[in-house]
């Protein structure tokens, strides 16, 4: 597969790296000399210094023979115009654009729904963009999901599934400390599956004899309702989250606030938090930018909004934020988010969710005591990769910096696993099928060795990244 990427920043280079590892033909274009030089030194692909929104440049890069165009420059308009330009000449090429401006995203979604029948009949997409990726929305949803779990851990949710992959840590002298993984089932009747084990900095797919110990992190596929019992085995518990302080009222912060405030009246939030009063009464927003706080005050009139620097001496104590259950730091300054969260936790707030740049910073955040880091750039690369995998792949999620990858796949007729039982296709250490939704069934279930996969079944599997190309080909989902 040949992919042309416009923009050689972090997202562009990370995407190129994953595509190159999958033996794809990649061309990377950027107009900044320093950026191009760094990318050329790090990547084994053709890197061109030029304006990516120039058709002549694109044709010199071989756009006419490309399968996909991915635009991830820092300029939304350049990304959108470049896709439109290519669509006007090469409409069959798959076009993906990262768009940060939420107004573009929202307006495009509304226009697409309004004119869906016309666009469908003409086989066209608005602006010529097949997929518009909005990192802020994805990051905000991840933050809200973490709040729903009491902000004690991060989780991955799947459509049409009551199971979630939740990251839990084994505490010293807990019931799991020192036992073999195969004996974990003797300690609970709950239905679960351990997808991965992170031990001493290395993440791997476990087997029955794997010994668990304090400090290890497990990726446990479980029903959300069973989280308290699984956490108890690990030596911790779910904490009540009733008072939340949101630091940052820019794009992501406002989306998070909207999800938590405007939707709190829906049963799932009231039921989870056990709220008797409106969430807005126990929810404060803090931002040092006057324009941001003014906009937040107008949008959420029942919420306390402060224009202040949370690191100012005395502010947290004076406003009683040190008595809150959770702080969410979601400013555009990712390093500052980590500093602010660590500072506020030192004053008494027990839990924090922090927006960070990538998974590498996420590991640093955990080491300084932050419960849930949300890596915004990794989610963008995952989203793009899922669209590049083709129609049979409906989702891609990287785990712990990309050492593992979770894929959501619809088994095609051509797959070599079609009609075979899991025990007959198993390859220890390479992949693990975690969930299966049989054709005609409404929900996913955790499969057993005798479960047979058929064409049309939806599966969710976790893959060792070094075996990604082999496993995807096995399941009929190669690039």
Protein backbone atom coordinates (compact mmCIF):
# COMPACT_ATOMS: atom_id res chain seq x y z
CA UNK A 1 0.00 0.00 0.00
CA UNK A 2 1.30 3.49 -0.84
CA UNK A 3 0.46 6.37 1.51
CA UNK A 4 1.36 10.05 1.08
CA UNK A 5 1.53 11.94 4.39
CA UNK A 6 1.48 15.74 4.52
CA UNK A 7 3.05 17.02 7.75
CA UNK A 8 6.17 15.60 9.38
CA UNK A 9 5.48 16.63 12.96
CA UNK A 10 5.02 14.12 15.79
CA UNK A 11 1.80 12.65 14.38
CA UNK A 12 3.13 12.44 10.83
CA UNK A 13 6.39 10.74 11.84
CA UNK A 14 4.70 8.32 14.27
CA UNK A 15 2.16 7.36 11.62
CA UNK A 16 4.95 6.94 9.04
CA UNK A 17 6.94 4.77 11.44
CA UNK A 18 4.02 2.39 12.02
CA UNK A 19 3.25 2.19 8.30
CA UNK A 20 6.90 1.55 7.42
CA UNK A 21 7.05 -1.23 10.02
CA UNK A 22 4.12 -2.78 8.17
CA UNK A 23 6.14 -2.83 4.94
CA UNK A 24 4.15 -0.03 3.28
CA UNK A 25 5.46 2.51 0.77
CA UNK A 26 5.40 5.91 2.52
CA UNK A 27 6.13 9.40 1.19
CA UNK A 28 6.36 12.19 3.80
CA UNK A 29 6.07 15.87 2.78
CA UNK A 30 6.75 18.99 4.88
CA UNK A 31 7.87 22.51 4.02
CA UNK A 32 10.09 23.03 7.08
CA UNK A 33 13.78 22.31 6.47
CA UNK A 34 14.61 21.34 10.06
CA UNK A 35 11.56 19.08 10.39
CA UNK A 36 12.39 17.35 7.11
CA UNK A 37 16.00 16.81 8.15
CA UNK A 38 14.98 15.19 11.44
CA UNK A 39 12.39 13.00 9.74
CA UNK A 40 14.91 11.90 7.09
CA UNK A 41 17.34 10.83 9.79
CA UNK A 42 14.71 8.80 11.67
CA UNK A 43 12.61 7.20 8.93
CA UNK A 44 13.36 4.78 6.11
CA UNK A 45 11.10 6.45 3.53
CA UNK A 46 11.06 9.22 0.94
CA UNK A 47 10.92 12.60 2.73
CA UNK A 48 10.31 15.68 0.57
CA UNK A 49 10.75 19.34 1.55
CA UNK A 50 7.93 21.19 -0.22
CA UNK A 51 4.42 22.60 0.21
CA UNK A 52 2.06 19.64 0.44
CA UNK A 53 -0.92 21.60 -0.88
CA UNK A 54 0.71 21.96 -4.30
CA UNK A 55 -0.62 19.53 -6.93
CA UNK A 56 2.67 19.51 -8.84
CA UNK A 57 4.53 18.50 -5.69
CA UNK A 58 1.99 15.79 -4.96
CA UNK A 59 2.27 14.40 -8.47
CA UNK A 60 6.07 14.34 -8.19
CA UNK A 61 5.55 12.34 -4.98
CA UNK A 62 3.43 9.83 -6.94
CA UNK A 63 -0.04 10.77 -5.71
CA UNK A 64 -1.62 9.24 -8.83
CA UNK A 65 -0.48 5.75 -7.75
CA UNK A 66 -1.15 6.27 -4.02
CA UNK A 67 -3.84 4.40 -2.11
CA UNK A 68 -4.29 7.07 0.55
CA UNK A 69 -3.50 10.70 1.41
CA UNK A 70 -3.20 11.69 5.07
CA UNK A 71 -2.96 15.40 5.97
CA UNK A 72 -1.73 16.13 9.50
CA UNK A 73 -0.10 19.57 9.29
CA UNK A 74 -0.66 22.07 12.10
CA UNK A 75 -2.97 24.08 9.82
CA UNK A 76 -6.57 22.83 9.54
CA UNK A 77 -7.24 24.79 6.37
CA UNK A 78 -4.17 23.36 4.62
CA UNK A 79 -5.26 19.82 5.54
CA UNK A 80 -8.78 20.37 4.23
CA UNK A 81 -7.75 22.22 1.05
CA UNK A 82 -5.15 19.59 0.19
CA UNK A 83 -7.76 16.82 0.45
CA UNK A 84 -10.17 18.83 -1.70
CA UNK A 85 -7.46 19.48 -4.27
CA UNK A 86 -6.55 15.82 -4.57
CA UNK A 87 -10.22 14.80 -4.62
CA UNK A 88 -10.87 17.04 -7.63
CA UNK A 89 -8.23 15.23 -9.69
CA UNK A 90 -7.90 11.79 -8.02
CA UNK A 91 -11.29 11.10 -6.39
CA UNK A 92 -10.66 7.39 -5.80
CA UNK A 93 -7.76 7.98 -3.40
CA UNK A 94 -8.69 7.62 0.30
CA UNK A 95 -8.32 11.05 1.95
CA UNK A 96 -7.93 11.62 5.70
CA UNK A 97 -7.51 15.02 7.38
CA UNK A 98 -6.77 15.94 10.97
CA UNK A 99 -8.90 18.95 11.90
CA UNK A 100 -8.43 20.58 15.31
CA UNK A 101 -11.03 23.34 14.96
CA UNK A 102 -14.15 21.95 16.62
CA UNK A 103 -16.38 24.28 14.59
CA UNK A 104 -15.20 22.67 11.35
CA UNK A 105 -15.80 19.23 12.81
CA UNK A 106 -19.27 20.02 14.16
CA UNK A 107 -20.41 21.94 11.07
CA UNK A 108 -19.13 19.24 8.74
CA UNK A 109 -20.91 16.53 10.73
CA UNK A 110 -24.17 18.50 10.65
CA UNK A 111 -23.90 19.24 6.91
CA UNK A 112 -23.06 15.61 6.15
CA UNK A 113 -26.15 14.40 8.02
CA UNK A 114 -28.37 17.00 6.33
CA UNK A 115 -27.23 16.09 2.82
CA UNK A 116 -26.46 12.41 3.45
CA UNK A 117 -28.74 11.08 0.72
CA UNK A 118 -27.35 13.41 -1.95
CA UNK A 119 -23.74 12.78 -1.00
CA UNK A 120 -24.37 9.03 -0.91
CA UNK A 121 -26.03 9.00 -4.35
CA UNK A 122 -23.08 10.87 -5.83
CA UNK A 123 -20.58 8.78 -3.85
CA UNK A 124 -18.98 11.99 -2.51
CA UNK A 125 -17.77 13.32 0.84
CA UNK A 126 -17.96 16.89 2.07
CA UNK A 127 -14.75 18.77 1.16
CA UNK A 128 -13.58 15.57 -0.53
CA UNK A 129 -12.49 14.24 2.88
CA UNK A 130 -13.33 10.58 3.50
CA UNK A 131 -12.47 10.76 7.21
CA UNK A 132 -12.05 13.85 9.37
CA UNK A 133 -10.07 13.16 12.55
CA UNK A 134 -10.73 15.45 15.52
CA UNK A 135 -8.21 14.79 18.33
CA UNK A 136 -9.94 17.04 20.85
CA UNK A 137 -13.19 15.07 20.73
CA UNK A 138 -11.41 11.75 21.16
CA UNK A 139 -9.32 13.07 24.06
CA UNK A 140 -12.38 14.55 25.76
CA UNK A 141 -14.28 11.27 25.48
CA UNK A 142 -11.32 9.43 27.04
CA UNK A 143 -11.33 11.87 29.97
CA UNK A 144 -15.08 11.46 30.52
CA UNK A 145 -14.72 7.67 30.41
CA UNK A 146 -12.02 7.86 33.09
CA UNK A 147 -14.30 10.01 35.28
CA UNK A 148 -17.01 7.37 35.00
CA UNK A 149 -14.57 4.82 36.44
CA UNK A 150 -13.81 6.97 39.46
CA UNK A 151 -10.55 8.27 37.92
CA UNK A 152 -8.60 5.42 39.46
CA UNK A 153 -7.52 3.96 36.14
CA UNK A 154 -7.79 4.27 32.38
CA UNK A 155 -10.02 2.03 30.30
CA UNK A 156 -10.91 1.13 26.74
CA UNK A 157 -14.57 0.71 25.83
CA UNK A 158 -16.00 -1.13 22.83
CA UNK A 159 -19.23 -0.54 20.94
CA UNK A 160 -22.00 -3.10 21.61
CA UNK A 161 -19.97 -4.66 24.41
CA UNK A 162 -20.63 -4.70 28.13
CA UNK A 163 -16.94 -5.49 28.67
CA UNK A 164 -14.14 -2.95 28.99
CA UNK A 165 -10.36 -3.34 29.06
CA UNK A 166 -9.36 -1.74 32.35
CA UNK A 167 -5.83 -1.14 33.58
CA UNK A 168 -5.39 -2.17 37.24
CA UNK A 169 -2.30 -2.22 39.45
CA UNK A 170 -1.46 -5.03 41.89
CA UNK A 171 -0.74 -3.64 45.34
CA UNK A 172 1.75 -5.15 47.77
CA UNK A 173 0.38 -8.05 49.87
CA UNK A 174 -2.90 -8.08 47.93
CA UNK A 175 -4.53 -11.41 47.04
CA UNK A 176 -2.94 -11.34 43.57
CA UNK A 177 0.59 -10.60 44.80
CA UNK A 178 2.70 -13.70 44.10
CA UNK A 179 0.12 -15.99 42.51
CA UNK A 180 0.10 -17.55 39.03
CA UNK A 181 -2.34 -16.02 36.57
CA UNK A 182 -4.12 -19.36 36.13
CA UNK A 183 -5.01 -19.33 39.84
CA UNK A 184 -6.67 -15.92 39.65
CA UNK A 185 -9.95 -17.52 38.56
CA UNK A 186 -10.11 -19.41 41.86
CA UNK A 187 -10.42 -16.11 43.71
CA UNK A 188 -13.58 -14.82 42.01
CA UNK A 189 -16.62 -16.05 40.14
CA UNK A 190 -16.67 -12.96 37.93
CA UNK A 191 -16.18 -13.48 34.21
CA UNK A 192 -12.95 -11.78 33.09
CA UNK A 193 -9.91 -12.13 30.82
CA UNK A 194 -6.39 -10.78 31.39
CA UNK A 195 -5.31 -9.30 28.06
CA UNK A 196 -1.81 -8.14 29.01
CA UNK A 197 0.63 -7.88 31.89
CA UNK A 198 2.99 -4.93 32.31
CA UNK A 199 5.92 -5.88 34.54
CA UNK A 200 9.17 -3.99 35.14
CA UNK A 201 8.66 -1.76 32.12
CA UNK A 202 7.80 -4.56 29.67
CA UNK A 203 4.33 -5.36 28.37
CA UNK A 204 3.46 -8.85 27.14
CA UNK A 205 0.62 -11.23 26.40
CA UNK A 206 0.42 -13.53 29.46
CA UNK A 207 0.00 -17.28 29.82
CA UNK A 208 -1.41 -19.37 32.69
CA UNK A 209 1.93 -19.88 34.52
CA UNK A 210 2.73 -16.13 34.49
CA UNK A 211 3.47 -15.08 38.09
CA UNK A 212 1.82 -11.83 39.17
CA UNK A 213 3.53 -9.57 41.67
CA UNK A 214 3.12 -6.21 43.37
CA UNK A 215 3.69 -3.30 41.00
CA UNK A 216 2.55 -5.21 37.93
CA UNK A 217 -0.25 -3.67 35.86
CA UNK A 218 -2.88 -5.87 34.29
CA UNK A 219 -5.15 -5.13 31.35
CA UNK A 220 -8.32 -6.90 32.51
CA UNK A 221 -11.32 -7.34 30.24
CA UNK A 222 -14.32 -7.22 32.56
CA UNK A 223 -17.85 -6.02 32.98
CA UNK A 224 -17.84 -2.51 34.44
CA UNK A 225 -20.09 -3.66 37.28
CA UNK A 226 -17.39 -6.12 38.37
CA UNK A 227 -14.69 -3.45 38.75
CA UNK A 228 -15.02 -3.15 42.57
CA UNK A 229 -14.41 -6.89 43.11
CA UNK A 230 -11.46 -7.04 40.68
CA UNK A 231 -9.92 -3.96 42.31
CA UNK A 232 -10.36 -5.57 45.72
CA UNK A 233 -8.29 -8.54 44.53
CA UNK A 234 -5.60 -6.04 43.52
CA UNK A 235 -5.70 -4.32 46.89
CA UNK A 236 -7.54 -1.12 45.95
CA UNK A 237 -11.10 0.11 45.55
CA UNK A 238 -13.37 2.44 43.58
CA UNK A 239 -13.63 5.86 45.14
CA UNK A 240 -16.63 8.19 45.06
CA UNK A 241 -16.17 11.11 42.67
CA UNK A 242 -18.62 13.86 43.56
CA UNK A 243 -16.54 17.03 43.46
CA UNK A 244 -14.58 17.76 40.28
CA UNK A 245 -12.27 20.64 39.41
CA UNK A 246 -11.55 21.17 35.71
CA UNK A 247 -8.41 23.18 34.95
CA UNK A 248 -8.48 24.43 31.37
CA UNK A 249 -11.44 25.94 29.52
CA UNK A 250 -10.09 25.76 25.99
CA UNK A 251 -11.46 23.36 23.35
CA UNK A 252 -10.96 20.05 25.15
CA UNK A 253 -11.93 21.42 28.54
CA UNK A 254 -15.17 22.82 27.18
CA UNK A 255 -16.08 19.50 25.53
CA UNK A 256 -15.37 17.68 28.82
CA UNK A 257 -17.46 20.18 30.78
CA UNK A 258 -20.33 19.85 28.33
CA UNK A 259 -20.29 16.05 28.61
CA UNK A 260 -20.19 16.12 32.42
CA UNK A 261 -22.53 19.02 33.12
CA UNK A 262 -25.15 18.90 30.41
CA UNK A 263 -25.49 15.13 30.47
CA UNK A 264 -25.37 14.63 34.23
CA UNK A 265 -29.13 14.41 34.39
CA UNK A 266 -29.04 11.21 32.36
CA UNK A 267 -29.39 8.12 34.47
CA UNK A 268 -25.96 6.64 33.94
CA UNK A 269 -24.22 9.66 35.48
CA UNK A 270 -26.63 10.03 38.38
CA UNK A 271 -26.53 6.32 39.05
CA UNK A 272 -22.74 6.18 38.93
CA UNK A 273 -22.02 9.28 41.00
CA UNK A 274 -24.99 8.84 43.33
CA UNK A 275 -25.71 12.56 43.00
CA UNK A 276 -28.62 14.13 44.83
CA UNK A 277 -27.91 17.65 43.61
CA UNK A 278 -26.87 18.95 40.24
CA UNK A 279 -23.34 18.10 39.22
CA UNK A 280 -22.69 21.75 38.32
CA UNK A 281 -22.87 22.62 42.04
CA UNK A 282 -19.90 20.31 42.71
CA UNK A 283 -18.03 21.20 39.54
CA UNK A 284 -15.69 24.16 39.10
CA UNK A 285 -13.78 25.40 36.08
CA UNK A 286 -10.46 27.24 36.36
CA UNK A 287 -8.51 28.93 33.57
CA UNK A 288 -5.97 31.74 33.52
CA UNK A 289 -7.33 33.12 30.24
CA UNK A 290 -10.06 35.73 30.69
CA UNK A 291 -11.70 35.05 27.31
CA UNK A 292 -11.90 31.32 28.07
CA UNK A 293 -13.48 31.84 31.49
CA UNK A 294 -15.98 34.35 30.09
CA UNK A 295 -17.06 31.83 27.44
CA UNK A 296 -17.32 29.08 30.06
CA UNK A 297 -19.42 31.27 32.39
CA UNK A 298 -21.85 32.07 29.58
CA UNK A 299 -22.16 28.44 28.48
CA UNK A 300 -22.47 26.98 31.99
CA UNK A 301 -24.29 29.64 34.05
CA UNK A 302 -24.85 27.32 37.03
CA UNK A 303 -21.17 26.46 37.40
CA UNK A 304 -18.48 28.30 39.37
CA UNK A 305 -15.82 29.57 36.98
CA UNK A 306 -12.55 31.16 38.13
CA UNK A 307 -10.08 33.20 36.09
CA UNK A 308 -6.93 32.28 37.99
CA UNK A 309 -3.67 30.37 38.04
CA UNK A 310 -4.17 27.26 40.17
CA UNK A 311 -0.49 27.28 41.14
CA UNK A 312 -0.86 30.71 42.79
CA UNK A 313 -0.15 30.40 46.48
CA UNK A 314 -3.32 29.98 48.51
CA UNK A 315 -5.82 29.80 45.63
CA UNK A 316 -6.56 26.06 45.91
CA UNK A 317 -7.06 26.23 49.68
CA UNK A 318 -9.05 29.49 49.59
CA UNK A 319 -11.57 28.09 47.12
CA UNK A 320 -11.69 24.69 48.84
CA UNK A 321 -10.43 22.80 45.80
CA UNK A 322 -8.05 20.82 48.02
CA UNK A 323 -11.17 19.10 49.41
CA UNK A 324 -12.32 17.94 45.96
CA UNK A 325 -12.26 14.28 44.85
CA UNK A 326 -10.77 14.83 41.40
CA UNK A 327 -8.83 17.37 39.36
CA UNK A 328 -8.82 17.26 35.56
CA UNK A 329 -5.98 19.20 33.91
CA UNK A 330 -6.85 19.71 30.24
CA UNK A 331 -5.01 22.83 29.10
CA UNK A 332 -3.14 22.92 25.75
CA UNK A 333 0.13 23.03 27.72
CA UNK A 334 0.66 19.30 28.32
CA UNK A 335 3.78 19.61 30.48
CA UNK A 336 2.07 22.23 32.66
CA UNK A 337 -0.89 19.87 33.11
CA UNK A 338 1.41 17.34 34.77
CA UNK A 339 2.96 19.97 37.05
CA UNK A 340 -0.43 21.40 38.07
CA UNK A 341 -1.90 17.97 38.82
CA UNK A 342 1.09 16.94 40.92
CA UNK A 343 0.88 20.24 42.83
CA UNK A 344 -2.86 19.99 43.52
CA UNK A 345 -2.54 16.35 44.61
CA UNK A 346 0.19 17.43 47.06
CA UNK A 347 -2.41 19.72 48.66
CA UNK A 348 -4.88 16.90 49.29
CA UNK A 349 -6.80 16.02 46.11
CA UNK A 350 -6.48 12.23 45.78
CA UNK A 351 -7.13 11.65 42.07
CA UNK A 352 -6.15 13.34 38.82
CA UNK A 353 -6.74 12.99 35.08
CA UNK A 354 -4.18 14.76 32.91
CA UNK A 355 -4.02 15.50 29.20
CA UNK A 356 -0.50 14.68 27.96
CA UNK A 357 1.19 14.80 24.57
CA UNK A 358 1.89 11.11 24.05
CA UNK A 359 2.31 7.76 25.78
CA UNK A 360 5.94 8.49 26.73
CA UNK A 361 4.77 11.44 28.84
CA UNK A 362 1.97 9.23 30.10
CA UNK A 363 4.50 6.89 31.69
CA UNK A 364 6.26 9.86 33.32
CA UNK A 365 2.91 11.11 34.62
CA UNK A 366 2.14 7.76 36.27
CA UNK A 367 5.56 7.71 37.93
CA UNK A 368 4.86 11.03 39.65
CA UNK A 369 1.53 9.79 41.00
CA UNK A 370 -0.98 10.88 38.36
CA UNK A 371 -3.72 8.25 38.10
CA UNK A 372 -4.92 8.70 34.49
CA UNK A 373 -2.83 10.30 31.73
CA UNK A 374 -4.65 10.77 28.41
CA UNK A 375 -2.17 10.83 25.47
CA UNK A 376 -3.83 12.96 22.77
CA UNK A 377 -1.41 12.34 19.89
CA UNK A 378 -1.44 8.54 20.16
CA UNK A 379 -5.23 8.52 19.80
CA UNK A 380 -4.94 10.41 16.50
CA UNK A 381 -2.48 7.89 15.04
CA UNK A 382 -4.70 5.00 16.18
CA UNK A 383 -7.74 6.56 14.54
CA UNK A 384 -5.92 7.10 11.25
CA UNK A 385 -4.54 3.56 11.27
CA UNK A 386 -8.01 2.10 11.75
CA UNK A 387 -9.24 3.88 8.61
CA UNK A 388 -6.21 2.78 6.60
CA UNK A 389 -6.74 -0.88 7.48
CA UNK A 390 -9.78 -1.16 5.23
CA UNK A 391 -13.44 -1.99 5.67
CA UNK A 392 -12.86 -5.13 7.73
CA UNK A 393 -11.11 -3.16 10.51
CA UNK A 394 -13.44 -0.94 12.54
CA UNK A 395 -10.98 0.23 15.19
CA UNK A 396 -7.31 0.28 16.21
CA UNK A 397 -6.01 1.08 19.71
CA UNK A 398 -2.37 1.07 20.80
CA UNK A 399 -1.46 -0.09 24.32
CA UNK A 400 1.44 1.19 26.43
CA UNK A 401 3.24 3.18 23.79
CA UNK A 402 2.45 0.81 20.94
CA UNK A 403 4.03 -2.38 22.31
CA UNK A 404 0.60 -3.98 21.88
CA UNK A 405 -2.22 -3.17 19.49
CA UNK A 406 -5.91 -3.88 19.87
CA UNK A 407 -7.85 -4.40 16.65
CA UNK A 408 -11.59 -4.57 16.07
CA UNK A 409 -12.17 -6.72 12.98
CA UNK A 410 -15.08 -8.12 11.00
CA UNK A 411 -13.92 -11.54 9.78
CA UNK A 412 -13.98 -11.51 5.94
CA UNK A 413 -14.76 -14.52 3.75
CA UNK A 414 -11.14 -14.58 2.59
CA UNK A 415 -9.68 -14.89 6.10
CA UNK A 416 -7.78 -18.10 6.84
CA UNK A 417 -9.45 -18.23 10.28
CA UNK A 418 -12.91 -18.46 8.74
CA UNK A 419 -14.63 -21.64 10.01
CA UNK A 420 -11.91 -22.52 12.52
CA UNK A 421 -11.97 -22.83 16.31
CA UNK A 422 -9.79 -20.52 18.37
CA UNK A 423 -7.79 -23.42 19.80
CA UNK A 424 -6.79 -24.37 16.25
CA UNK A 425 -5.50 -20.93 15.25
CA UNK A 426 -3.87 -19.92 18.55
CA UNK A 427 -0.28 -18.65 18.52
CA UNK A 428 0.93 -18.05 22.07
CA UNK A 429 2.60 -14.69 22.60
CA UNK A 430 1.46 -13.32 19.24
CA UNK A 431 -2.23 -12.52 19.71
CA UNK A 432 -5.25 -13.19 21.90
CA UNK A 433 -8.90 -13.03 20.81
CA UNK A 434 -10.62 -11.25 23.69
CA UNK A 435 -14.19 -10.84 22.45
CA UNK A 436 -16.44 -12.26 19.74
CA UNK A 437 -19.80 -11.02 18.49
CA UNK A 438 -21.35 -13.80 16.43
CA UNK A 439 -23.40 -12.83 13.38
CA UNK A 440 -26.98 -12.14 14.46
CA UNK A 441 -26.12 -11.55 18.12
CA UNK A 442 -26.44 -8.12 19.73
CA UNK A 443 -23.47 -8.20 22.09
CA UNK A 444 -19.91 -9.42 22.42
CA UNK A 445 -18.89 -12.27 24.70
CA UNK A 446 -15.58 -13.61 25.98
CA UNK A 447 -14.83 -16.69 23.84
CA UNK A 448 -13.38 -20.08 24.73
CA UNK A 449 -11.02 -22.37 22.87
CA UNK A 450 -13.90 -24.15 21.12
CA UNK A 451 -15.44 -20.92 19.80
CA UNK A 452 -15.57 -21.08 15.99
CA UNK A 453 -15.03 -17.92 13.93
CA UNK A 454 -17.22 -17.42 10.85
CA UNK A 455 -17.29 -14.79 8.14
CA UNK A 456 -19.18 -11.74 9.38
CA UNK A 457 -18.32 -12.28 13.04
CA UNK A 458 -16.92 -9.25 14.83
CA UNK A 459 -13.84 -9.90 16.95
CA UNK A 460 -11.59 -7.87 19.21
CA UNK A 461 -8.05 -9.14 19.54
CA UNK A 462 -4.90 -7.90 21.20
CA UNK A 463 -1.70 -8.28 19.20
CA UNK A 464 2.02 -8.21 19.95
CA UNK A 465 3.16 -5.21 17.88
CA UNK A 466 6.15 -7.10 16.45
CA UNK A 467 3.70 -9.66 15.00
CA UNK A 468 1.14 -7.13 13.78
CA UNK A 469 1.65 -7.63 10.05
CA UNK A 470 1.52 -11.43 10.35
CA UNK A 471 -1.58 -11.45 12.57
CA UNK A 472 -3.50 -8.93 10.46
CA UNK A 473 -2.79 -11.00 7.35
CA UNK A 474 -3.96 -14.13 9.17
CA UNK A 475 -7.30 -12.48 9.98
CA UNK A 476 -7.67 -11.02 6.49
CA UNK A 477 -7.08 -7.41 7.51
CA UNK A 478 -3.66 -6.58 6.06
CA UNK A 479 -2.97 -3.09 4.77
